[in-house]
Amino acid sequence: MSSDNSGSSNSSSSLSGNGNNHPSGNNLNIINDEEADAIHAEDLADVDNDISLGNPTEESDDDGLSSGSLEYDTGGVSSATLPKGYIDDAIVENVMKSADDRLASQKSFPIKKMVGYVICATALFAIIIGASIAVRGSAEKKVIEKRIHDKSTAYEFEDKLTFRSSVAGTTDETTESGATDTIDQTGTSETETTDDGRGVWITPIALASPIPQQINDHLLDNPLPATANVTPIFWQVPFGGGVFQSFMTGCHRMVLASNHKLADDDTIIEHQVNQAKYLNVDLSTLEGIASAAEQNLIGSNPDVIVSNHINTAVTELLNPSHKGRLFTALRHPVDRIIAEYHYTVTTSNQYFVRNLGFKEFIEGSLSDKDWMTRFLIGKEGILVPEDLNLAKEILRKKCLVGLHDHLELSIYLFEVYFGWNPERGQFNQNVHEHCQDAILEIEAERAREVYYYVGAVRKESEEYRTIVSLNSYDMELYWYAYALFQEQLVFYTARR
């Protein structure tokens, strides 16, 4: 057999032999070319039956490993060419798809994981923020409730030092008399006077002109003792004094000459509004004061005269033979105007008024401007510093001062000053205390209404700054009255 046939035989033998056969072995079996071709064809047919080979035709144009033919080494003797399609295209596609999926999964997993972390972190952050807001809201509500309980208002403005600068005899921390600004809720203060006895109350205000003669002659000086024919006269500051009127009628059964007048009846007679007793007059208007003066209101012996036009009421209703003892309760101007806004927009029948914003109300004509200063001295038009000094001097010399934001202490001061006591007996004392508590709770509920309607008004807000700029005289007058209240409280408590 020729050498070419020997090479072909060796190649075929290596394809069909077992592991012990080798082209250079001693037991080499020689087969001819026809036998080799037959064996080769039979092997391919067996492989084709055992494994799906895809598309083995020459026209196959699949991508990947199935294209073309593959050769493998037969020991350098010869080479055999595997037909196209020897590696299954479908299996390769599945394997490659699986690999792609795993790769995509590996790439997307960190993204999904990151998104999950972000969502979880956001949710946790939202929960923390919500919880902190709830806690802060709860804490703020407790502060507001305590303030309402203590002061019958939800608002407090730390502006004392700003508007106490012009108060005679005071410094930033204490008065020169040694009076601190702390007031004990039991009715005492840490106020002490220095050896020279100087204090706000006994320090006259320098005036360009004296107190009007009628005010000077028709009102007793404070603290001179009362004499015969003296009637308490209460200067009612709107949204600051109403609760005291309720206290006088409800808890002390006093007959007031106030603003409760029967329609079409000018006779000064006593009548009841619910359980409260009033004389048939209206001292909230100048016309009503003039009508009451014509009928000699003072001769009807009211327990207390109540009017907001105090300058006119003192001048026309009292006289040097029948004087009055002036007392009042002032309210922080910003707090008072907040209450005024709430009352105006919630009680008006006019659509425009009911829909007024707070800032619009403050700047408009419906809001009072320096009301306390104007009505105390009885002046309309532009105010000047001399007007403020006159208002201070009237308070200092002629008035017992209470404060709306210290209701209990103010009530206590009024009772001590005028000698108002409940009827003897523990039962009557309990009834009196219950009455006072009920009135204070009504005022506290009103404070809640105002706060939840208007909302928070802070010192740094534009609304606060606007009110202060339009009521600068009232701001100074209020803090001057606050100093008077402290000193008078200590003075009369010590002499109870």
Protein backbone atom coordinates (compact mmCIF):
# COMPACT_ATOMS: atom_id res chain seq x y z
CA MET A 1 0.00 0.00 0.00
CA SER A 2 1.39 3.39 -0.94
CA SER A 3 2.53 5.92 1.60
CA ASP A 4 -0.49 8.14 0.88
CA ASN A 5 -2.81 5.27 1.73
CA SER A 6 -0.87 4.60 4.90
CA GLY A 7 -1.35 8.19 6.04
CA SER A 8 -5.05 7.99 5.36
CA SER A 9 -5.30 4.71 7.21
CA ASN A 10 -3.52 6.11 10.25
CA SER A 11 -5.83 9.06 10.37
CA SER A 12 -8.95 6.89 10.13
CA SER A 13 -7.60 4.51 12.72
CA SER A 14 -7.11 7.29 15.21
CA LEU A 15 -10.74 8.39 14.72
CA SER A 16 -12.23 4.89 15.22
CA GLY A 17 -9.76 3.17 17.56
CA ASN A 18 -9.97 2.88 21.31
CA GLY A 19 -7.68 4.49 23.81
CA ASN A 20 -5.06 1.71 23.47
CA ASN A 21 -4.61 2.15 19.78
CA HIS A 22 -1.93 4.46 18.55
CA PRO A 23 -0.61 5.10 15.01
CA SER A 24 2.84 3.95 16.04
CA GLY A 25 1.67 0.93 18.07
CA ASN A 26 2.43 -2.70 17.28
CA ASN A 27 -1.21 -3.73 16.91
CA LEU A 28 -2.07 -1.22 14.22
CA ASN A 29 -4.95 -2.39 11.99
CA ILE A 30 -4.70 -1.23 8.42
CA ILE A 31 -7.92 -0.42 6.54
CA ASN A 32 -8.32 0.73 3.01
CA ASP A 33 -9.76 4.01 1.79
CA GLU A 34 -13.24 2.68 1.06
CA GLU A 35 -13.58 1.21 4.54
CA ALA A 36 -12.43 4.47 6.07
CA ASP A 37 -14.97 6.48 4.08
CA ALA A 38 -17.76 4.09 5.09
CA ILE A 39 -16.84 4.28 8.77
CA HIS A 40 -16.65 8.06 8.57
CA ALA A 41 -20.10 8.33 7.02
CA GLU A 42 -21.57 5.89 9.53
CA ASP A 43 -20.10 7.85 12.49
CA LEU A 44 -21.56 11.09 11.22
CA ALA A 45 -24.94 9.43 10.77
CA ASP A 46 -24.84 8.14 14.36
CA VAL A 47 -23.93 11.60 15.69
CA ASP A 48 -26.71 13.16 13.66
CA ASN A 49 -29.20 10.71 15.20
CA ASP A 50 -27.97 11.27 18.76
CA ILE A 51 -27.64 15.10 18.82
CA SER A 52 -29.65 17.75 17.12
CA LEU A 53 -27.13 19.52 14.92
CA GLY A 54 -29.17 22.43 13.76
CA ASN A 55 -28.91 23.34 10.08
CA PRO A 56 -25.82 21.65 8.49
CA THR A 57 -26.35 22.99 4.99
CA GLU A 58 -23.94 25.26 3.21
CA GLU A 59 -26.62 27.95 3.08
CA SER A 60 -26.55 28.32 6.86
CA ASP A 61 -25.80 31.92 7.74
CA ASP A 62 -26.22 31.70 11.50
CA ASP A 63 -24.07 33.86 13.64
CA GLY A 64 -21.67 32.56 16.23
CA LEU A 65 -19.89 29.21 16.48
CA SER A 66 -22.09 27.32 13.99
CA SER A 67 -20.74 29.17 10.97
CA GLY A 68 -17.98 27.53 8.88
CA SER A 69 -16.20 24.29 9.78
CA LEU A 70 -13.92 23.39 12.68
CA GLU A 71 -10.62 21.50 12.45
CA TYR A 72 -8.88 19.69 15.24
CA ASP A 73 -5.41 18.18 15.46
CA THR A 74 -4.95 14.44 14.76
CA GLY A 75 -1.35 14.31 15.82
CA GLY A 76 0.03 15.97 12.74
CA VAL A 77 -0.60 12.92 10.56
CA SER A 78 -3.63 14.21 8.80
CA SER A 79 -6.64 16.45 9.47
CA ALA A 80 -10.36 15.91 9.38
CA THR A 81 -12.89 18.63 8.89
CA LEU A 82 -16.09 18.67 11.00
CA PRO A 83 -19.17 19.68 9.10
CA LYS A 84 -21.04 22.92 9.75
CA GLY A 85 -23.60 22.63 12.53
CA TYR A 86 -21.55 20.38 14.74
CA ILE A 87 -22.32 22.72 17.71
CA ASP A 88 -26.12 23.06 18.17
CA ASP A 89 -27.25 26.59 17.30
CA ALA A 90 -30.34 26.34 19.57
CA ILE A 91 -28.24 25.28 22.56
CA VAL A 92 -25.75 28.06 21.92
CA GLU A 93 -28.58 30.57 21.68
CA ASN A 94 -30.03 29.38 24.97
CA VAL A 95 -26.64 29.39 26.64
CA MET A 96 -25.84 32.85 25.35
CA LYS A 97 -29.26 34.17 26.36
CA SER A 98 -28.80 32.70 29.82
CA ALA A 99 -25.38 34.31 30.06
CA ASP A 100 -26.78 37.64 28.89
CA ASP A 101 -29.57 37.39 31.46
CA ARG A 102 -27.09 36.66 34.23
CA LEU A 103 -24.92 39.55 33.11
CA ALA A 104 -27.90 41.88 32.95
CA SER A 105 -29.03 40.65 36.34
CA GLN A 106 -25.60 41.31 37.77
CA LYS A 107 -25.59 44.80 36.26
CA SER A 108 -29.18 45.66 37.26
CA PHE A 109 -29.07 44.19 40.74
CA PRO A 110 -26.98 47.02 42.23
CA ILE A 111 -29.29 49.55 40.57
CA LYS A 112 -32.38 47.82 41.90
CA LYS A 113 -30.75 47.47 45.24
CA MET A 114 -29.78 51.13 45.24
CA VAL A 115 -33.31 52.15 44.26
CA GLY A 116 -34.64 49.99 47.07
CA TYR A 117 -32.24 51.61 49.53
CA VAL A 118 -33.27 55.06 48.34
CA ILE A 119 -36.96 54.22 48.70
CA CYS A 120 -36.41 52.75 52.16
CA ALA A 121 -34.24 55.68 53.21
CA THR A 122 -36.81 58.15 51.89
CA ALA A 123 -39.61 56.37 53.71
CA LEU A 124 -37.57 56.27 56.91
CA PHE A 125 -36.65 59.93 56.52
CA ALA A 126 -40.31 60.81 55.97
CA ILE A 127 -41.27 58.86 59.07
CA ILE A 128 -38.58 60.63 61.09
CA ILE A 129 -39.65 64.04 59.77
CA GLY A 130 -43.30 63.24 60.40
CA ALA A 131 -42.52 62.07 63.90
CA SER A 132 -40.39 65.14 64.61
CA ILE A 133 -43.11 67.42 63.26
CA ALA A 134 -45.67 65.62 65.39
CA VAL A 135 -43.43 65.88 68.45
CA ARG A 136 -42.67 69.51 67.73
CA GLY A 137 -46.36 70.20 67.12
CA SER A 138 -47.27 68.44 70.34
CA ALA A 139 -44.62 70.38 72.26
CA GLU A 140 -45.76 73.65 70.73
CA LYS A 141 -49.36 72.85 71.57
CA LYS A 142 -48.38 72.23 75.19
CA VAL A 143 -46.60 75.58 75.30
CA ILE A 144 -49.64 77.33 73.86
CA GLU A 145 -52.02 75.57 76.23
CA LYS A 146 -49.87 76.53 79.21
CA ARG A 147 -49.73 80.12 78.02
CA ILE A 148 -53.50 80.19 77.60
CA HIS A 149 -53.91 78.72 81.07
CA ASP A 150 -51.58 81.29 82.60
CA LYS A 151 -52.43 84.37 80.54
CA SER A 152 -55.72 83.71 78.70
CA THR A 153 -53.94 84.30 75.40
CA ALA A 154 -51.95 82.11 73.05
CA TYR A 155 -49.58 84.94 72.11
CA GLU A 156 -46.52 86.28 73.81
CA PHE A 157 -44.11 88.85 72.42
CA GLU A 158 -40.73 89.42 74.02
CA ASP A 159 -40.59 93.15 73.35
CA LYS A 160 -40.58 94.56 76.86
CA LEU A 161 -37.03 95.87 76.75
CA THR A 162 -37.64 97.55 73.40
CA PHE A 163 -40.58 99.61 74.63
CA ARG A 164 -39.57 100.14 78.25
CA SER A 165 -36.70 102.46 77.33
CA SER A 166 -38.83 105.57 77.88
CA VAL A 167 -40.32 104.38 81.17
CA ALA A 168 -39.15 106.69 83.91
CA GLY A 169 -37.06 105.03 86.55
CA THR A 170 -36.48 101.72 84.75
CA THR A 171 -33.48 99.91 83.37
CA ASP A 172 -33.19 96.86 81.13
CA GLU A 173 -33.29 94.33 83.96
CA THR A 174 -34.99 96.02 86.90
CA THR A 175 -36.47 99.33 87.89
CA GLU A 176 -34.25 101.71 89.78
CA SER A 177 -36.43 100.96 92.75
CA GLY A 178 -35.15 97.41 92.49
CA ALA A 179 -38.40 96.08 91.02
CA THR A 180 -37.99 93.02 88.89
CA ASP A 181 -40.39 92.06 86.12
CA THR A 182 -41.32 88.72 87.64
CA ILE A 183 -44.83 88.43 89.03
CA ASP A 184 -45.72 85.59 91.37
CA GLN A 185 -49.02 83.94 90.41
CA THR A 186 -49.96 83.81 94.09
CA GLY A 187 -50.35 87.57 94.13
CA THR A 188 -46.95 88.70 95.27
CA SER A 189 -43.91 90.07 93.49
CA GLU A 190 -40.24 90.14 94.19
CA THR A 191 -40.38 93.93 93.90
CA GLU A 192 -38.50 95.94 96.49
CA THR A 193 -37.94 99.68 96.76
CA THR A 194 -34.65 101.39 97.34
CA ASP A 195 -33.99 103.65 100.32
CA ASP A 196 -34.96 106.79 98.42
CA GLY A 197 -38.31 105.14 97.49
CA ARG A 198 -38.08 105.99 93.81
CA GLY A 199 -40.18 103.94 91.45
CA VAL A 200 -42.30 104.30 88.33
CA TRP A 201 -45.49 104.88 90.27
CA ILE A 202 -44.23 107.84 92.33
CA THR A 203 -42.14 109.42 89.57
CA PRO A 204 -44.16 112.16 87.82
CA ILE A 205 -44.07 112.42 84.04
CA ALA A 206 -42.99 115.82 82.78
CA LEU A 207 -45.91 117.38 80.91
CA ALA A 208 -46.02 120.26 78.46
CA SER A 209 -49.42 121.11 79.93
CA PRO A 210 -51.15 119.80 83.08
CA ILE A 211 -53.77 117.08 83.24
CA PRO A 212 -57.15 118.49 82.09
CA GLN A 213 -58.99 120.03 85.02
CA GLN A 214 -62.07 117.79 84.79
CA ILE A 215 -59.92 114.65 84.93
CA ASN A 216 -57.94 116.07 87.80
CA ASP A 217 -60.99 117.21 89.78
CA HIS A 218 -63.41 114.35 89.05
CA LEU A 219 -61.08 111.44 89.84
CA LEU A 220 -59.37 110.55 93.10
CA ASP A 221 -55.63 110.26 93.08
CA ASN A 222 -54.26 106.79 93.52
CA PRO A 223 -53.47 105.67 96.27
CA LEU A 224 -55.47 108.18 98.29
CA PRO A 225 -58.17 106.45 100.38
CA ALA A 226 -61.73 106.63 99.17
CA THR A 227 -64.18 109.03 100.73
CA ALA A 228 -67.95 109.26 100.61
CA ASN A 229 -69.63 109.62 97.24
CA VAL A 230 -66.99 107.81 95.24
CA THR A 231 -68.00 105.46 92.40
CA PRO A 232 -65.63 103.02 90.70
CA ILE A 233 -65.34 103.81 87.01
CA PHE A 234 -63.84 101.18 84.73
CA TRP A 235 -62.13 102.21 81.52
CA GLN A 236 -62.93 99.27 79.27
CA VAL A 237 -60.30 98.69 76.61
CA PRO A 238 -61.88 96.73 73.73
CA PHE A 239 -60.89 93.04 73.76
CA GLY A 240 -59.14 93.59 77.06
CA GLY A 241 -61.78 94.53 79.61
CA GLY A 242 -64.86 92.49 78.75
CA VAL A 243 -63.86 89.57 80.95
CA PHE A 244 -63.64 91.89 83.98
CA GLN A 245 -67.13 93.19 83.34
CA SER A 246 -68.34 89.57 83.32
CA PHE A 247 -66.52 88.98 86.59
CA MET A 248 -68.18 91.97 88.26
CA THR A 249 -71.69 91.06 87.17
CA GLY A 250 -71.34 87.27 87.43
CA CYS A 251 -69.27 86.75 90.56
CA HIS A 252 -70.08 89.88 92.59
CA ARG A 253 -73.65 90.53 91.40
CA MET A 254 -72.90 94.17 90.72
CA VAL A 255 -75.24 96.50 88.86
CA LEU A 256 -73.28 98.12 86.07
CA ALA A 257 -73.91 101.24 84.06
CA SER A 258 -72.40 100.01 80.82
CA ASN A 259 -73.66 99.55 77.26
CA HIS A 260 -76.84 97.50 77.79
CA LYS A 261 -79.75 99.74 76.86
CA LEU A 262 -83.31 98.76 76.16
CA ALA A 263 -84.65 99.75 72.75
CA ASP A 264 -86.95 102.81 72.69
CA ASP A 265 -86.60 103.44 76.41
CA ASP A 266 -84.42 106.19 77.87
CA THR A 267 -85.50 105.70 81.46
CA ILE A 268 -82.61 104.77 83.74
CA ILE A 269 -84.01 101.60 85.25
CA GLU A 270 -82.41 98.36 86.31
CA HIS A 271 -82.86 95.38 84.00
CA GLN A 272 -81.30 91.97 83.47
CA VAL A 273 -79.42 90.48 80.57
CA ASN A 274 -79.41 86.76 81.30
CA GLN A 275 -78.33 86.79 84.97
CA ALA A 276 -76.36 90.07 84.82
CA LYS A 277 -77.87 93.34 86.07
CA TYR A 278 -77.45 96.65 84.25
CA LEU A 279 -78.80 100.16 84.27
CA ASN A 280 -80.59 101.16 81.09
CA VAL A 281 -77.83 103.27 79.50
CA ASP A 282 -75.30 102.97 76.71
CA LEU A 283 -71.97 104.50 77.69
CA SER A 284 -70.15 103.09 74.66
CA THR A 285 -71.14 106.11 72.54
CA LEU A 286 -70.78 109.83 73.04
CA GLU A 287 -74.51 110.28 72.49
CA GLY A 288 -75.29 107.66 75.12
CA ILE A 289 -72.98 109.36 77.64
CA ALA A 290 -74.67 112.71 77.01
CA SER A 291 -78.12 111.14 77.48
CA ALA A 292 -77.08 109.46 80.74
CA ALA A 293 -75.61 112.71 82.03
CA GLU A 294 -78.88 114.54 81.34
CA GLN A 295 -80.72 111.98 83.46
CA ASN A 296 -78.18 112.20 86.30
CA LEU A 297 -76.83 108.68 86.01
CA ILE A 298 -74.66 109.12 89.08
CA GLY A 299 -77.80 109.65 91.18
CA SER A 300 -78.92 106.11 90.33
CA ASN A 301 -75.92 104.79 92.30
CA PRO A 302 -74.50 102.19 89.91
CA ASP A 303 -72.01 99.84 91.51
CA VAL A 304 -69.58 100.51 88.67
CA ILE A 305 -69.59 102.83 85.67
CA VAL A 306 -68.12 101.23 82.54
CA SER A 307 -67.14 103.16 79.41
CA ASN A 308 -64.51 103.11 76.67
CA HIS A 309 -64.80 106.91 76.19
CA ILE A 310 -63.30 107.42 79.61
CA ASN A 311 -62.26 111.04 79.16
CA THR A 312 -65.78 112.09 78.16
CA ALA A 313 -67.48 109.84 80.75
CA VAL A 314 -65.37 111.25 83.62
CA THR A 315 -65.99 114.80 82.45
CA GLU A 316 -69.79 114.54 81.99
CA LEU A 317 -70.94 111.89 84.47
CA LEU A 318 -68.85 112.76 87.55
CA ASN A 319 -68.21 115.97 89.42
CA PRO A 320 -66.05 117.29 92.27
CA SER A 321 -68.79 116.36 94.76
CA HIS A 322 -69.17 112.83 93.46
CA LYS A 323 -65.82 111.60 92.28
CA GLY A 324 -64.77 108.42 90.63
CA ARG A 325 -62.06 105.87 91.33
CA LEU A 326 -60.55 104.95 87.97
CA PHE A 327 -59.38 101.41 87.18
CA THR A 328 -58.67 99.53 83.96
CA ALA A 329 -57.09 96.46 82.37
CA LEU A 330 -54.76 96.93 79.43
CA ARG A 331 -53.75 94.36 76.85
CA HIS A 332 -50.62 94.04 74.73
CA PRO A 333 -51.45 96.01 71.55
CA VAL A 334 -50.44 93.23 69.12
CA ASP A 335 -52.41 90.64 71.06
CA ARG A 336 -55.38 93.00 71.30
CA ILE A 337 -55.46 93.66 67.56
CA ILE A 338 -55.26 89.94 66.81
CA ALA A 339 -58.37 89.46 68.97
CA GLU A 340 -60.01 92.47 67.28
CA TYR A 341 -59.36 90.97 63.85
CA HIS A 342 -60.87 87.63 64.83
CA TYR A 343 -63.98 89.26 66.26
CA THR A 344 -64.44 91.60 63.28
CA VAL A 345 -64.21 89.02 60.51
CA THR A 346 -66.18 86.30 62.32
CA THR A 347 -69.12 88.48 63.35
CA SER A 348 -69.52 90.74 60.31
CA ASN A 349 -72.36 90.21 57.85
CA GLN A 350 -70.42 91.84 55.03
CA TYR A 351 -68.73 89.51 52.58
CA PHE A 352 -65.75 91.81 52.08
CA VAL A 353 -65.08 92.06 55.81
CA ARG A 354 -65.49 88.34 56.43
CA ASN A 355 -62.85 87.61 53.80
CA LEU A 356 -60.28 90.18 54.91
CA GLY A 357 -56.78 88.85 55.38
CA PHE A 358 -54.99 89.68 58.60
CA LYS A 359 -52.46 92.01 56.95
CA GLU A 360 -55.22 93.80 55.02
CA PHE A 361 -57.13 94.31 58.26
CA ILE A 362 -54.09 95.69 60.10
CA GLU A 363 -53.37 98.28 57.42
CA GLY A 364 -57.01 99.17 56.74
CA SER A 365 -59.45 101.52 58.42
CA LEU A 366 -61.18 98.79 60.44
CA SER A 367 -58.15 98.31 62.66
CA ASP A 368 -57.56 100.67 65.60
CA LYS A 369 -54.36 102.71 65.62
CA ASP A 370 -52.98 103.70 69.06
CA TRP A 371 -56.48 103.22 70.49
CA MET A 372 -55.50 103.23 74.17
CA THR A 373 -53.53 106.47 73.98
CA ARG A 374 -56.20 108.26 71.96
CA PHE A 375 -59.17 107.26 74.11
CA LEU A 376 -57.43 107.85 77.42
CA ILE A 377 -56.75 111.49 76.57
CA GLY A 378 -59.77 111.91 74.28
CA LYS A 379 -57.92 113.03 71.16
CA GLU A 380 -58.49 112.38 67.48
CA GLY A 381 -55.99 113.07 64.73
CA ILE A 382 -52.23 112.80 64.77
CA LEU A 383 -50.61 112.00 68.12
CA VAL A 384 -47.40 113.60 69.36
CA PRO A 385 -45.01 112.55 72.16
CA GLU A 386 -46.68 115.00 74.58
CA ASP A 387 -49.92 113.01 74.15
CA LEU A 388 -48.19 109.82 75.22
CA ASN A 389 -46.74 111.56 78.27
CA LEU A 390 -50.20 112.83 79.24
CA ALA A 391 -51.66 109.33 78.93
CA LYS A 392 -48.87 107.91 81.13
CA GLU A 393 -49.38 110.57 83.78
CA ILE A 394 -53.14 109.94 83.95
CA LEU A 395 -52.46 106.24 84.50
CA ARG A 396 -49.76 106.92 87.08
CA LYS A 397 -51.66 109.49 89.13
CA LYS A 398 -55.30 108.49 88.76
CA CYS A 399 -55.62 104.82 87.79
CA LEU A 400 -55.42 101.36 89.30
CA VAL A 401 -53.92 99.23 86.54
CA GLY A 402 -54.73 95.61 85.71
CA LEU A 403 -53.54 93.53 82.78
CA HIS A 404 -55.45 91.16 80.56
CA ASP A 405 -52.51 88.74 80.43
CA HIS A 406 -52.53 88.53 84.23
CA LEU A 407 -56.26 88.03 84.78
CA GLU A 408 -56.20 86.29 88.14
CA LEU A 409 -53.75 88.73 89.68
CA SER A 410 -55.67 91.68 88.26
CA ILE A 411 -58.94 90.36 89.69
CA TYR A 412 -57.20 89.84 92.99
CA LEU A 413 -55.84 93.42 92.89
CA PHE A 414 -59.27 94.88 92.15
CA GLU A 415 -60.88 92.93 94.98
CA VAL A 416 -58.24 94.04 97.45
CA TYR A 417 -58.33 97.64 96.28
CA PHE A 418 -62.12 98.06 96.36
CA GLY A 419 -62.78 95.65 99.22
CA TRP A 420 -64.91 93.34 97.07
CA ASN A 421 -65.43 90.17 99.02
CA PRO A 422 -67.83 87.28 98.55
CA GLU A 423 -70.54 86.83 101.13
CA ARG A 424 -69.40 85.14 104.30
CA GLY A 425 -69.43 81.37 104.56
CA GLN A 426 -67.51 78.56 102.98
CA PHE A 427 -70.34 77.76 100.58
CA ASN A 428 -70.40 81.30 99.21
CA GLN A 429 -66.63 81.27 98.96
CA ASN A 430 -66.76 78.06 96.94
CA VAL A 431 -69.45 79.49 94.67
CA HIS A 432 -67.35 82.60 94.14
CA GLU A 433 -64.26 80.58 93.21
CA HIS A 434 -66.27 78.36 90.89
CA CYS A 435 -67.68 81.46 89.19
CA GLN A 436 -64.22 82.92 88.70
CA ASP A 437 -62.86 79.65 87.31
CA ALA A 438 -65.76 79.42 84.86
CA ILE A 439 -65.15 82.95 83.57
CA LEU A 440 -61.44 82.29 83.18
CA GLU A 441 -62.17 79.09 81.26
CA ILE A 442 -64.51 80.96 78.92
CA GLU A 443 -61.75 83.47 78.23
CA ALA A 444 -59.28 80.62 77.69
CA GLU A 445 -61.62 78.99 75.18
CA ARG A 446 -61.92 82.31 73.38
CA ALA A 447 -58.12 82.49 73.24
CA ARG A 448 -58.01 79.04 71.60
CA GLU A 449 -60.59 80.13 69.04
CA VAL A 450 -58.55 83.19 68.14
CA TYR A 451 -55.30 81.24 67.86
CA TYR A 452 -56.64 78.44 65.68
CA TYR A 453 -58.38 80.95 63.43
CA VAL A 454 -55.56 83.47 63.01
CA GLY A 455 -52.57 81.17 63.50
CA ALA A 456 -49.16 81.96 64.91
CA VAL A 457 -48.02 85.59 64.84
CA ARG A 458 -44.39 85.87 65.80
CA LYS A 459 -42.23 88.82 66.70
CA GLU A 460 -40.20 88.47 63.50
CA SER A 461 -43.31 88.41 61.26
CA GLU A 462 -44.32 91.23 58.94
CA GLU A 463 -47.72 91.43 60.65
CA TYR A 464 -46.11 92.05 64.02
CA ARG A 465 -43.85 94.77 62.63
CA THR A 466 -46.78 96.46 60.91
CA ILE A 467 -48.91 96.51 64.07
CA VAL A 468 -46.03 97.89 66.12
CA SER A 469 -45.27 100.62 63.59
CA LEU A 470 -48.93 101.72 63.59
CA ASN A 471 -49.29 101.51 67.38
CA SER A 472 -45.96 102.73 68.70
CA TYR A 473 -47.52 104.96 71.38
CA ASP A 474 -49.73 102.16 72.64
CA MET A 475 -46.72 99.86 72.86
CA GLU A 476 -44.93 102.30 75.17
CA LEU A 477 -48.10 102.97 77.16
CA TYR A 478 -48.70 99.25 77.69
CA TRP A 479 -45.24 98.54 79.06
CA TYR A 480 -45.42 101.63 81.25
CA ALA A 481 -48.74 100.30 82.61
CA TYR A 482 -47.08 96.92 83.15
CA ALA A 483 -44.53 98.55 85.46
CA LEU A 484 -47.32 100.34 87.34
CA PHE A 485 -49.19 97.07 87.74
CA GLN A 486 -46.18 95.41 89.34
CA GLU A 487 -45.67 98.16 91.87
CA GLN A 488 -49.37 98.59 92.72
CA LEU A 489 -49.80 94.84 93.16
CA VAL A 490 -47.04 94.73 95.73
CA PHE A 491 -48.22 97.89 97.46
CA TYR A 492 -51.85 96.83 97.95
CA THR A 493 -51.04 93.20 98.67
CA ALA A 494 -48.83 94.33 101.56
CA ARG A 495 -51.64 96.53 102.90
CA ARG A 496 -54.50 94.10 102.49
